C-alpha atoms as a PDB file:
ATOM      1  CA  MET A   1      -4.740  13.100   5.249  1.00  0.00           C
ATOM      2  CA  SER A   2      -5.226   9.991   8.014  1.00  0.00           C
ATOM      3  CA  THR A   3      -1.821   9.023  10.215  1.00  0.00           C
ATOM      4  CA  ALA A   4      -0.520   5.623  10.206  1.00  0.00           C
ATOM      5  CA  ILE A   5       2.155   6.706  12.945  1.00  0.00           C
ATOM      6  CA  GLU A   6       3.375  10.142  13.921  1.00  0.00           C
ATOM      7  CA  ALA A   7       6.233  11.074  15.765  1.00  0.00           C
ATOM      8  CA  THR A   8       7.426  14.419  17.566  1.00  0.00           C
ATOM      9  CA  GLY A   9      10.505  14.581  19.671  1.00  0.00           C
ATOM     10  CA  LEU A  10      11.190  11.121  19.435  1.00  0.00           C
ATOM     11  CA  VAL A  11      14.298  10.293  21.806  1.00  0.00           C
ATOM     12  CA  LYS A  12      15.519   6.857  22.836  1.00  0.00           C
ATOM     13  CA  ARG A  13      18.881   5.742  24.974  1.00  0.00           C
ATOM     14  CA  TYR A  14      19.659   2.915  25.825  1.00  0.00           C
ATOM     15  CA  GLY A  15      21.819   3.956  28.667  1.00  0.00           C
ATOM     16  CA  ARG A  16      22.396   7.354  30.995  1.00  0.00           C
ATOM     17  CA  PHE A  17      25.653   7.881  29.534  1.00  0.00           C
ATOM     18  CA  ALA A  18      25.243   5.738  26.127  1.00  0.00           C
ATOM     19  CA  GLY A  19      24.442   8.740  23.046  1.00  0.00           C
ATOM     20  CA  ALA A  20      20.726   8.050  21.578  1.00  0.00           C
ATOM     21  CA  ALA A  21      19.569   5.672  19.193  1.00  0.00           C
ATOM     22  CA  LEU A  22      16.734   8.151  18.539  1.00  0.00           C
ATOM     23  CA  ASP A  23      17.525  11.882  18.600  1.00  0.00           C
ATOM     24  CA  ASP A  24      14.367  14.185  18.447  1.00  0.00           C
ATOM     25  CA  CYS A  25      12.771  11.909  15.607  1.00  0.00           C
ATOM     26  CA  SER A  26       9.697  13.220  13.961  1.00  0.00           C
ATOM     27  CA  PHE A  27       7.752  12.656  10.944  1.00  0.00           C
ATOM     28  CA  ARG A  28       4.531  11.218   9.762  1.00  0.00           C
ATOM     29  CA  LEU A  29       3.378   8.505   7.709  1.00  0.00           C
ATOM     30  CA  PRO A  30       0.622   8.585   5.952  1.00  0.00           C
ATOM     31  CA  THR A  31      -2.163   5.811   6.221  1.00  0.00           C
ATOM     32  CA  GLY A  32      -2.201   3.297   3.084  1.00  0.00           C
ATOM     33  CA  ARG A  33       1.621   3.790   2.532  1.00  0.00           C
ATOM     34  CA  ILE A  34       4.258   0.908   1.636  1.00  0.00           C
ATOM     35  CA  SER A  35       7.096   3.224   3.267  1.00  0.00           C
ATOM     36  CA  ALA A  36      10.560   2.233   3.068  1.00  0.00           C
ATOM     37  CA  LEU A  37      12.777   2.651   6.419  1.00  0.00           C
ATOM     38  CA  VAL A  38      16.486   2.925   5.229  1.00  0.00           C
ATOM     39  CA  GLY A  39      19.708   4.145   6.864  1.00  0.00           C
ATOM     40  CA  PRO A  40      23.164   2.892   7.897  1.00  0.00           C
ATOM     41  CA  ASN A  41      23.566   0.566  10.482  1.00  0.00           C
ATOM     42  CA  GLY A  42      22.945   1.517  13.771  1.00  0.00           C
ATOM     43  CA  ALA A  43      20.854   4.404  12.508  1.00  0.00           C
ATOM     44  CA  GLY A  44      18.059   3.530  14.903  1.00  0.00           C
ATOM     45  CA  LYS A  45      15.637   1.463  12.690  1.00  0.00           C
ATOM     46  CA  SER A  46      14.853  -1.715  14.387  1.00  0.00           C
ATOM     47  CA  THR A  47      14.627   0.499  17.536  1.00  0.00           C
ATOM     48  CA  LEU A  48      11.956   2.641  15.531  1.00  0.00           C
ATOM     49  CA  LEU A  49       9.905  -0.357  14.730  1.00  0.00           C
ATOM     50  CA  ALA A  50      10.534  -2.019  17.963  1.00  0.00           C
ATOM     51  CA  ILE A  51       8.793   1.304  19.564  1.00  0.00           C
ATOM     52  CA  ALA A  52       5.906   1.483  17.350  1.00  0.00           C
ATOM     53  CA  ALA A  53       5.099  -2.050  18.086  1.00  0.00           C
ATOM     54  CA  GLY A  54       5.068  -1.268  21.781  1.00  0.00           C
ATOM     55  CA  LEU A  55       7.975  -3.632  22.266  1.00  0.00           C
ATOM     56  CA  LEU A  56      10.106  -0.487  24.036  1.00  0.00           C
ATOM     57  CA  ARG A  57       9.758   2.303  25.570  1.00  0.00           C
ATOM     58  CA  GLN A  58      10.783   5.737  24.092  1.00  0.00           C
ATOM     59  CA  THR A  59      13.191   8.334  26.877  1.00  0.00           C
ATOM     60  CA  SER A  60      11.213  10.729  25.694  1.00  0.00           C
ATOM     61  CA  GLY A  61       8.995  12.366  23.288  1.00  0.00           C
ATOM     62  CA  ARG A  62       5.911  11.027  21.578  1.00  0.00           C
ATOM     63  CA  LEU A  63       4.865   7.893  19.109  1.00  0.00           C
ATOM     64  CA  ASP A  64       1.425   7.668  18.066  1.00  0.00           C
ATOM     65  CA  VAL A  65       0.176   4.546  16.792  1.00  0.00           C
ATOM     66  CA  LEU A  66      -3.267   4.475  15.116  1.00  0.00           C
ATOM     67  CA  GLY A  67      -4.456   7.462  16.595  1.00  0.00           C
ATOM     68  CA  GLY A  68      -2.942   5.764  20.040  1.00  0.00           C
ATOM     69  CA  ALA A  69       0.034   4.606  22.202  1.00  0.00           C
ATOM     70  CA  PRO A  70       1.661   2.166  20.776  1.00  0.00           C
ATOM     71  CA  GLY A  71       0.828  -1.243  21.888  1.00  0.00           C
ATOM     72  CA  GLU A  72      -2.715   0.505  22.361  1.00  0.00           C
ATOM     73  CA  HIS A  73      -4.214  -1.321  18.968  1.00  0.00           C
ATOM     74  CA  ARG A  74      -1.847  -4.024  19.396  1.00  0.00           C
ATOM     75  CA  ALA A  75      -4.780  -6.767  17.320  1.00  0.00           C
ATOM     76  CA  LYS A  76      -4.253  -4.004  14.034  1.00  0.00           C
ATOM     77  CA  VAL A  77      -0.614  -4.467  14.345  1.00  0.00           C
ATOM     78  CA  SER A  78       1.702  -6.816  12.949  1.00  0.00           C
ATOM     79  CA  TYR A  79       5.650  -7.199  13.938  1.00  0.00           C
ATOM     80  CA  LEU A  80       8.351  -9.538  12.297  1.00  0.00           C
ATOM     81  CA  SER A  81      11.805  -9.004  13.930  1.00  0.00           C
ATOM     82  CA  GLN A  82      15.206  -9.569  12.403  1.00  0.00           C
ATOM     83  CA  ASP A  83      15.387 -12.528  14.176  1.00  0.00           C
ATOM     84  CA  LYS A  84      11.842 -13.813  13.319  1.00  0.00           C
ATOM     85  CA  PRO A  85      11.304 -15.456  16.981  1.00  0.00           C
ATOM     86  CA  LEU A  86       8.974 -18.802  16.637  1.00  0.00           C
ATOM     87  CA  TYR A  87       8.584 -21.941  19.098  1.00  0.00           C
ATOM     88  CA  PRO A  88      11.107 -24.180  17.481  1.00  0.00           C
ATOM     89  CA  GLN A  89       9.040 -27.026  19.171  1.00  0.00           C
ATOM     90  CA  LEU A  90       5.738 -26.867  17.409  1.00  0.00           C
ATOM     91  CA  SER A  91       4.810 -27.815  14.223  1.00  0.00           C
ATOM     92  CA  VAL A  92       4.338 -25.998  10.835  1.00  0.00           C
ATOM     93  CA  ALA A  93       0.395 -26.997  11.656  1.00  0.00           C
ATOM     94  CA  ASP A  94       0.592 -26.039  15.198  1.00  0.00           C
ATOM     95  CA  THR A  95       2.428 -22.893  14.630  1.00  0.00           C
ATOM     96  CA  LEU A  96      -0.410 -21.439  12.584  1.00  0.00           C
ATOM     97  CA  ARG A  97      -3.583 -22.637  14.923  1.00  0.00           C
ATOM     98  CA  MET A  98      -1.545 -20.705  17.244  1.00  0.00           C
ATOM     99  CA  GLY A  99      -1.585 -17.813  15.300  1.00  0.00           C
ATOM    100  CA  ALA A 100      -5.952 -18.493  14.869  1.00  0.00           C
ATOM    101  CA  GLU A 101      -6.193 -18.680  18.985  1.00  0.00           C
ATOM    102  CA  LEU A 102      -3.975 -15.943  19.060  1.00  0.00           C
ATOM    103  CA  ASN A 103      -5.958 -13.541  16.506  1.00  0.00           C
ATOM    104  CA  PRO A 104     -10.091 -14.642  17.207  1.00  0.00           C
ATOM    105  CA  GLY A 105     -11.994 -12.356  14.669  1.00  0.00           C
ATOM    106  CA  ARG A 106      -9.079 -11.435  12.391  1.00  0.00           C
ATOM    107  CA  TRP A 107      -7.495 -14.900  11.281  1.00  0.00           C
ATOM    108  CA  ASP A 108      -7.906 -15.506   7.376  1.00  0.00           C
ATOM    109  CA  ALA A 109      -6.568 -19.379   8.159  1.00  0.00           C
ATOM    110  CA  ALA A 110      -6.958 -19.566   4.245  1.00  0.00           C
ATOM    111  CA  TYR A 111      -4.148 -16.631   3.372  1.00  0.00           C
ATOM    112  CA  ALA A 112      -1.996 -18.061   5.958  1.00  0.00           C
ATOM    113  CA  GLN A 113      -1.838 -21.600   4.975  1.00  0.00           C
ATOM    114  CA  LYS A 114      -1.797 -20.492   1.166  1.00  0.00           C
ATOM    115  CA  ILE A 115       1.747 -18.653   2.468  1.00  0.00           C
ATOM    116  CA  VAL A 116       3.019 -21.594   4.165  1.00  0.00           C
ATOM    117  CA  ASP A 117       1.977 -23.820   0.696  1.00  0.00           C
ATOM    118  CA  GLN A 118       3.549 -21.605  -2.009  1.00  0.00           C
ATOM    119  CA  GLY A 119       7.045 -22.881  -0.187  1.00  0.00           C
ATOM    120  CA  GLY A 120       6.269 -26.451  -0.082  1.00  0.00           C
ATOM    121  CA  LEU A 121       6.852 -26.660   3.608  1.00  0.00           C
ATOM    122  CA  ASP A 122       5.927 -29.801   5.369  1.00  0.00           C
ATOM    123  CA  HIS A 123       3.011 -29.366   7.535  1.00  0.00           C
ATOM    124  CA  THR A 124       4.318 -31.826  10.508  1.00  0.00           C
ATOM    125  CA  ALA A 125       7.831 -30.453   9.891  1.00  0.00           C
ATOM    126  CA  ARG A 126       8.704 -28.636  13.030  1.00  0.00           C
ATOM    127  CA  VAL A 127       9.870 -24.902  13.201  1.00  0.00           C
ATOM    128  CA  ARG A 128      13.517 -25.928  14.554  1.00  0.00           C
ATOM    129  CA  ALA A 129      13.672 -28.159  10.981  1.00  0.00           C
ATOM    130  CA  LEU A 130      13.243 -25.510   8.710  1.00  0.00           C
ATOM    131  CA  SER A 131      15.992 -23.333   7.184  1.00  0.00           C
ATOM    132  CA  GLY A 132      16.064 -20.042   7.944  1.00  0.00           C
ATOM    133  CA  GLY A 133      14.073 -18.952   5.019  1.00  0.00           C
ATOM    134  CA  GLN A 134      11.212 -21.047   5.782  1.00  0.00           C
ATOM    135  CA  ARG A 135      11.201 -20.123   8.879  1.00  0.00           C
ATOM    136  CA  THR A 136      10.925 -16.405   7.184  1.00  0.00           C
ATOM    137  CA  ARG A 137       7.925 -17.610   5.489  1.00  0.00           C
ATOM    138  CA  VAL A 138       6.222 -19.231   8.329  1.00  0.00           C
ATOM    139  CA  ALA A 139       6.646 -16.315  10.026  1.00  0.00           C
ATOM    140  CA  LEU A 140       5.151 -13.956   6.988  1.00  0.00           C
ATOM    141  CA  ALA A 141       2.244 -16.073   6.928  1.00  0.00           C
ATOM    142  CA  LEU A 142       1.555 -15.587  10.872  1.00  0.00           C
ATOM    143  CA  ALA A 143       1.857 -11.944  10.014  1.00  0.00           C
ATOM    144  CA  LEU A 144      -0.242 -11.713   7.291  1.00  0.00           C
ATOM    145  CA  GLY A 145      -2.841 -14.292   8.138  1.00  0.00           C
ATOM    146  CA  LYS A 146      -3.416 -11.419  11.280  1.00  0.00           C
ATOM    147  CA  ARG A 147      -4.747  -9.542   8.486  1.00  0.00           C
ATOM    148  CA  PRO A 148      -3.491  -6.226  10.094  1.00  0.00           C
ATOM    149  CA  GLU A 149      -4.046  -2.496   9.619  1.00  0.00           C
ATOM    150  CA  LEU A 150      -0.301  -1.701   9.961  1.00  0.00           C
ATOM    151  CA  MET A 151       2.480  -4.414   9.033  1.00  0.00           C
ATOM    152  CA  LEU A 152       6.034  -3.336  10.906  1.00  0.00           C
ATOM    153  CA  LEU A 153       9.150  -5.126   8.868  1.00  0.00           C
ATOM    154  CA  ASP A 154      12.137  -5.122   9.927  1.00  0.00           C
ATOM    155  CA  GLU A 155      14.477  -6.383   7.162  1.00  0.00           C
ATOM    156  CA  PRO A 156      12.293  -9.162   6.606  1.00  0.00           C
ATOM    157  CA  MET A 157      13.611 -10.507   3.258  1.00  0.00           C
ATOM    158  CA  ALA A 158      17.446 -11.027   4.198  1.00  0.00           C
ATOM    159  CA  ASP A 159      17.145 -14.721   4.625  1.00  0.00           C
ATOM    160  CA  LEU A 160      15.582 -15.750   1.675  1.00  0.00           C
ATOM    161  CA  ASP A 161      17.004 -16.311  -2.038  1.00  0.00           C
ATOM    162  CA  PRO A 162      16.053 -14.248  -4.589  1.00  0.00           C
ATOM    163  CA  LEU A 163      13.441 -15.999  -6.223  1.00  0.00           C
ATOM    164  CA  ALA A 164      11.780 -16.331  -2.780  1.00  0.00           C
ATOM    165  CA  ARG A 165      11.993 -12.577  -2.137  1.00  0.00           C
ATOM    166  CA  HIS A 166      10.643 -11.748  -4.869  1.00  0.00           C
ATOM    167  CA  GLU A 167       7.964 -14.300  -5.091  1.00  0.00           C
ATOM    168  CA  LEU A 168       6.439 -13.053  -0.927  1.00  0.00           C
ATOM    169  CA  MET A 169       7.722  -9.532  -1.209  1.00  0.00           C
ATOM    170  CA  GLY A 170       5.087  -9.635  -4.349  1.00  0.00           C
ATOM    171  CA  THR A 171       2.058 -11.711  -1.938  1.00  0.00           C
ATOM    172  CA  LEU A 172       2.961  -8.407   0.614  1.00  0.00           C
ATOM    173  CA  MET A 173       1.871  -5.694  -1.677  1.00  0.00           C
ATOM    174  CA  ALA A 174      -0.843  -7.382  -3.524  1.00  0.00           C
ATOM    175  CA  ASP A 175      -2.003  -7.771   0.016  1.00  0.00           C
ATOM    176  CA  ALA A 176      -1.532  -4.592   1.032  1.00  0.00           C
ATOM    177  CA  ALA A 177      -2.765  -3.055  -1.926  1.00  0.00           C
ATOM    178  CA  GLU A 178      -5.666  -4.986  -1.898  1.00  0.00           C
ATOM    179  CA  HIS A 179      -6.506  -4.157   1.899  1.00  0.00           C
ATOM    180  CA  GLY A 180      -5.198  -0.386   2.261  1.00  0.00           C
ATOM    181  CA  THR A 181      -2.236  -2.204   4.418  1.00  0.00           C
ATOM    182  CA  THR A 182      -0.142   0.817   6.023  1.00  0.00           C
ATOM    183  CA  VAL A 183       3.602  -0.818   5.858  1.00  0.00           C
ATOM    184  CA  LEU A 184       6.979   0.485   7.329  1.00  0.00           C
ATOM    185  CA  MET A 185       9.362  -2.280   6.357  1.00  0.00           C
ATOM    186  CA  SER A 186      13.486  -1.790   6.944  1.00  0.00           C
ATOM    187  CA  SER A 187      15.461  -2.995   4.235  1.00  0.00           C
ATOM    188  CA  HIS A 188      19.194  -3.076   2.388  1.00  0.00           C
ATOM    189  CA  ILE A 189      17.923  -3.956  -0.693  1.00  0.00           C
ATOM    190  CA  VAL A 190      17.525  -1.110  -2.778  1.00  0.00           C
ATOM    191  CA  ALA A 191      15.618  -2.686  -5.600  1.00  0.00           C
ATOM    192  CA  GLU A 192      13.512  -4.317  -3.797  1.00  0.00           C
ATOM    193  CA  LEU A 193      12.633  -1.214  -2.412  1.00  0.00           C
ATOM    194  CA  ALA A 194      12.047   0.433  -5.550  1.00  0.00           C
ATOM    195  CA  ASP A 195      10.292  -2.025  -7.012  1.00  0.00           C
ATOM    196  CA  ALA A 196       7.731  -2.573  -3.754  1.00  0.00           C
ATOM    197  CA  CYS A 197       7.669   0.945  -1.843  1.00  0.00           C
ATOM    198  CA  ASP A 198       5.852   4.093  -2.486  1.00  0.00           C
ATOM    199  CA  HIS A 199       6.807   6.353   0.459  1.00  0.00           C
ATOM    200  CA  LEU A 200      10.800   6.732   1.889  1.00  0.00           C
ATOM    201  CA  LEU A 201      12.135   7.503   5.893  1.00  0.00           C
ATOM    202  CA  LEU A 202      15.391   8.037   5.778  1.00  0.00           C
ATOM    203  CA  LEU A 203      16.715   7.816   9.052  1.00  0.00           C
ATOM    204  CA  GLY A 204      20.388   8.831  10.370  1.00  0.00           C
ATOM    205  CA  GLY A 205      21.869  10.513  13.160  1.00  0.00           C
ATOM    206  CA  GLY A 206      18.945   8.967  15.114  1.00  0.00           C
ATOM    207  CA  ARG A 207      16.934  11.527  12.894  1.00  0.00           C
ATOM    208  CA  ILE A 208      14.546  11.248  10.122  1.00  0.00           C
ATOM    209  CA  ARG A 209      16.652  12.443   7.085  1.00  0.00           C
ATOM    210  CA  LEU A 210      14.412  12.579   3.915  1.00  0.00           C
ATOM    211  CA  GLY A 211      10.692  11.694   4.159  1.00  0.00           C
ATOM    212  CA  GLY A 212       7.806  11.695   1.669  1.00  0.00           C
ATOM    213  CA  GLY A 213       6.609   9.918  -1.586  1.00  0.00           C
ATOM    214  CA  ILE A 214       9.811   8.502  -3.103  1.00  0.00           C
ATOM    215  CA  ASP A 215       8.321  10.132  -6.858  1.00  0.00           C
ATOM    216  CA  ASP A 216       8.201  13.208  -4.754  1.00  0.00           C
ATOM    217  CA  LEU A 217      11.681  13.244  -3.136  1.00  0.00           C
ATOM    218  CA  LEU A 218      12.981  12.397  -6.652  1.00  0.00           C
ATOM    219  CA  ARG A 219      11.208  15.627  -8.348  1.00  0.00           C
ATOM    220  CA  ALA A 220      12.955  17.084  -5.605  1.00  0.00           C
ATOM    221  CA  HIS A 221      16.382  16.498  -6.916  1.00  0.00           C
ATOM    222  CA  LYS A 222      18.461  16.733 -10.028  1.00  0.00           C
ATOM    223  CA  LEU A 223      21.967  15.016 -11.088  1.00  0.00           C
ATOM    224  CA  VAL A 224      23.501  17.325 -12.700  1.00  0.00           C
ATOM    225  CA  THR A 225      27.243  16.601 -14.415  1.00  0.00           C
ATOM    226  CA  GLY A 226      29.415  19.485 -15.661  1.00  0.00           C
ATOM    227  CA  ARG A 227      31.478  22.862 -14.908  1.00  0.00           C
ATOM    228  CA  GLY A 228      29.745  26.026 -13.465  1.00  0.00           C
ATOM    229  CA  ASP A 229      28.319  27.581 -10.853  1.00  0.00           C
ATOM    230  CA  LEU A 230      26.009  25.830  -8.190  1.00  0.00           C
ATOM    231  CA  GLY A 231      25.292  28.931  -5.969  1.00  0.00           C
ATOM    232  CA  GLY A 232      21.711  29.244  -5.004  1.00  0.00           C
ATOM    233  CA  HIS A 233      21.424  25.355  -4.994  1.00  0.00           C
ATOM    234  CA  THR A 234      21.391  22.992  -2.418  1.00  0.00           C
ATOM    235  CA  VAL A 235      24.331  20.661  -3.542  1.00  0.00           C
ATOM    236  CA  VAL A 236      23.663  16.994  -0.856  1.00  0.00           C
ATOM    237  CA  GLU A 237      27.254  15.376  -2.607  1.00  0.00           C
ATOM    238  CA  SER A 238      29.697  16.492  -5.524  1.00  0.00           C
ATOM    239  CA  ARG A 239      32.663  14.492  -6.781  1.00  0.00           C
ATOM    240  CA  ALA A 240      35.086  14.944  -9.475  1.00  0.00           C
ATOM    241  CA  SER A 241      33.979  13.487 -12.898  1.00  0.00           C
ATOM    242  CA  GLY A 242      36.045  13.948 -16.012  1.00  0.00           C
ATOM    243  CA  ARG A 243      36.947  17.288 -16.928  1.00  0.00           C
ATOM    244  CA  GLY A 244      33.785  19.026 -14.144  1.00  0.00           C
ATOM    245  CA  ILE A 245      31.825  17.295 -11.419  1.00  0.00           C
ATOM    246  CA  THR A 246      28.585  15.044 -11.134  1.00  0.00           C
ATOM    247  CA  ALA A 247      26.196  16.854  -8.211  1.00  0.00           C
ATOM    248  CA  LEU A 248      23.450  15.997  -6.117  1.00  0.00           C
ATOM    249  CA  VAL A 249      21.270  19.346  -6.319  1.00  0.00           C
ATOM    250  CA  ARG A 250      17.779  20.182  -4.514  1.00  0.00           C
ATOM    251  CA  HIS A 251      16.071  21.526  -7.438  1.00  0.00           C
ATOM    252  CA  ASP A 252      15.897  24.919  -6.253  1.00  0.00           C
ATOM    253  CA  GLY A 253      15.496  26.877  -9.729  1.00  0.00           C
ATOM    254  CA  PRO A 254      17.301  26.244 -12.962  1.00  0.00           C
ATOM    255  CA  LEU A 255      20.293  25.577 -13.825  1.00  0.00           C
ATOM    256  CA  GLY A 256      22.899  27.152 -16.555  1.00  0.00           C
ATOM    257  CA  ALA A 257      23.344  25.715 -20.137  1.00  0.00           C
ATOM    258  CA  ASP A 258      26.416  24.291 -19.082  1.00  0.00           C
ATOM    259  CA  TRP A 259      24.561  21.703 -17.019  1.00  0.00           C
ATOM    260  CA  GLN A 260      23.820  18.219 -18.404  1.00  0.00           C
ATOM    261  CA  VAL A 261      20.699  17.574 -16.104  1.00  0.00           C
ATOM    262  CA  GLN A 262      18.327  14.493 -14.892  1.00  0.00           C
ATOM    263  CA  GLU A 263      16.348  12.995 -12.797  1.00  0.00           C
ATOM    264  CA  PRO A 264      17.944  10.657 -10.244  1.00  0.00           C
ATOM    265  CA  SER A 265      17.432   7.102  -9.579  1.00  0.00           C
ATOM    266  CA  LEU A 266      16.246   5.643  -6.081  1.00  0.00           C
ATOM    267  CA  GLU A 267      19.489   4.400  -5.516  1.00  0.00           C
ATOM    268  CA  GLU A 268      21.614   7.150  -6.485  1.00  0.00           C
ATOM    269  CA  LEU A 269      19.827   9.155  -4.408  1.00  0.00           C
ATOM    270  CA  LEU A 270      20.290   7.432  -1.178  1.00  0.00           C
ATOM    271  CA  LEU A 271      23.732   6.791  -1.679  1.00  0.00           C
ATOM    272  CA  ALA A 272      24.398  10.675  -2.364  1.00  0.00           C
ATOM    273  CA  HIS A 273      22.112  11.381   1.517  1.00  0.00           C
ATOM    274  CA  LEU A 274      24.174   8.501   3.203  1.00  0.00           C
ATOM    275  CA  ARG A 275      27.382   9.599   1.929  1.00  0.00           C
ATOM    276  CA  SER A 276      26.285  12.888   3.410  1.00  0.00           C
ATOM    277  CA  PRO A 277      25.128  13.328   6.851  1.00  0.00           C
ATOM    278  CA  ASP A 278      25.448  16.953   7.181  1.00  0.00           C
ATOM    279  CA  ALA A 279      23.081  17.642   3.888  1.00  0.00           C
ATOM    280  CA  PRO A 280      19.922  19.531   4.911  1.00  0.00           C
ATOM    281  CA  ALA A 281      16.726  17.387   5.903  1.00  0.00           C
ATOM    282  CA  LEU A 282      13.721  17.390   3.491  1.00  0.00           C
ATOM    283  CA  LEU A 283      10.439  16.504   4.595  1.00  0.00           C
ATOM    284  CA  THR A 284       7.463  16.788   2.407  1.00  0.00           C
ATOM    285  CA  PRO A 285       4.317  18.226   3.655  1.00  0.00           C
ATOM    286  CA  GLY A 286       2.684  15.094   4.313  1.00  0.00           C
ATOM    287  CA  THR A 287       5.310  13.692   6.530  1.00  0.00           C
ATOM    288  CA  THR A 288       6.353  16.563   8.551  1.00  0.00           C
ATOM    289  CA  ALA A 289       5.157  15.788  12.246  1.00  0.00           C
ATOM    290  CA  ARG A 290       1.804  18.674  12.562  1.00  0.00           C
ATOM    291  CA  SER A 291       3.200  19.124  16.109  1.00  0.00           C
ATOM    292  CA  ALA A 292       6.652  19.563  15.245  1.00  0.00           C
ATOM    293  CA  GLY A 293       8.746  22.245  14.596  1.00  0.00           C
ATOM    294  CA  PRO A 294       9.684  23.785  11.590  1.00  0.00           C
ATOM    295  CA  ALA A 295      11.278  21.566   8.661  1.00  0.00           C
ATOM    296  CA  VAL A 296      12.417  21.743   5.492  1.00  0.00           C
ATOM    297  CA  THR A 297      10.106  20.859   2.968  1.00  0.00           C
ATOM    298  CA  ALA A 298      10.146  20.074  -0.449  1.00  0.00           C
END
């Protein structure tokens, strides 16, 4: 299986005495996956994306992007940061023309224009006059019009209304499926991730705490309710529920008849791990960095 991004012992500090934004971060993202990058505020998501885009340098460790160093294959990578920087004095038409001139041989003018036109944008309007959601649409048109092999998206839909977010997410996912584009996208909107993504990277404490196909990770956990002994099972989180408990556990074997067992939803899985930062890390075999040290595997 080919690899789009591979991190090995990645560390990033922003000051000599500052804590690490990334701390021995290791994972592998196979090509062609649409991966959600999730974690609490300050977990290092934006830092990881910026390093992968070649805009930041790591303090130590290694990050390979499309088989080379970050920035080496810049023409094949699109990166959209949270602030979605555009030139405010340019018109929408001039912005798309700039995209064509900066990406010779890769630019799909008709596709970029289609994304802009779906939002009913005036091509003569200057970027400074657009709303936040309209600027997001123009920025996504630039990112998708480049026809990248890898898309790095940092909270791309946060300032869109629900209808526009649903429409643009559908456009992004259809494009990725048709062209085999690898997508790594940070977001806090769990429903959006569940509908769009097939892969998950949960970042916490500067490291990947969950990594792998979403279906594989869900099957590796069970949500159990009842009373009894959970010894021999890895308990991610437990809480009182009536006269018993409800717990999210790793599926380490059969449970007794005292337990009601069901598969968790993606939201239940994420919330349990976010509330339990000391739970052991779990990476599926395809997500474990090949040159990294041993990891718990599903």
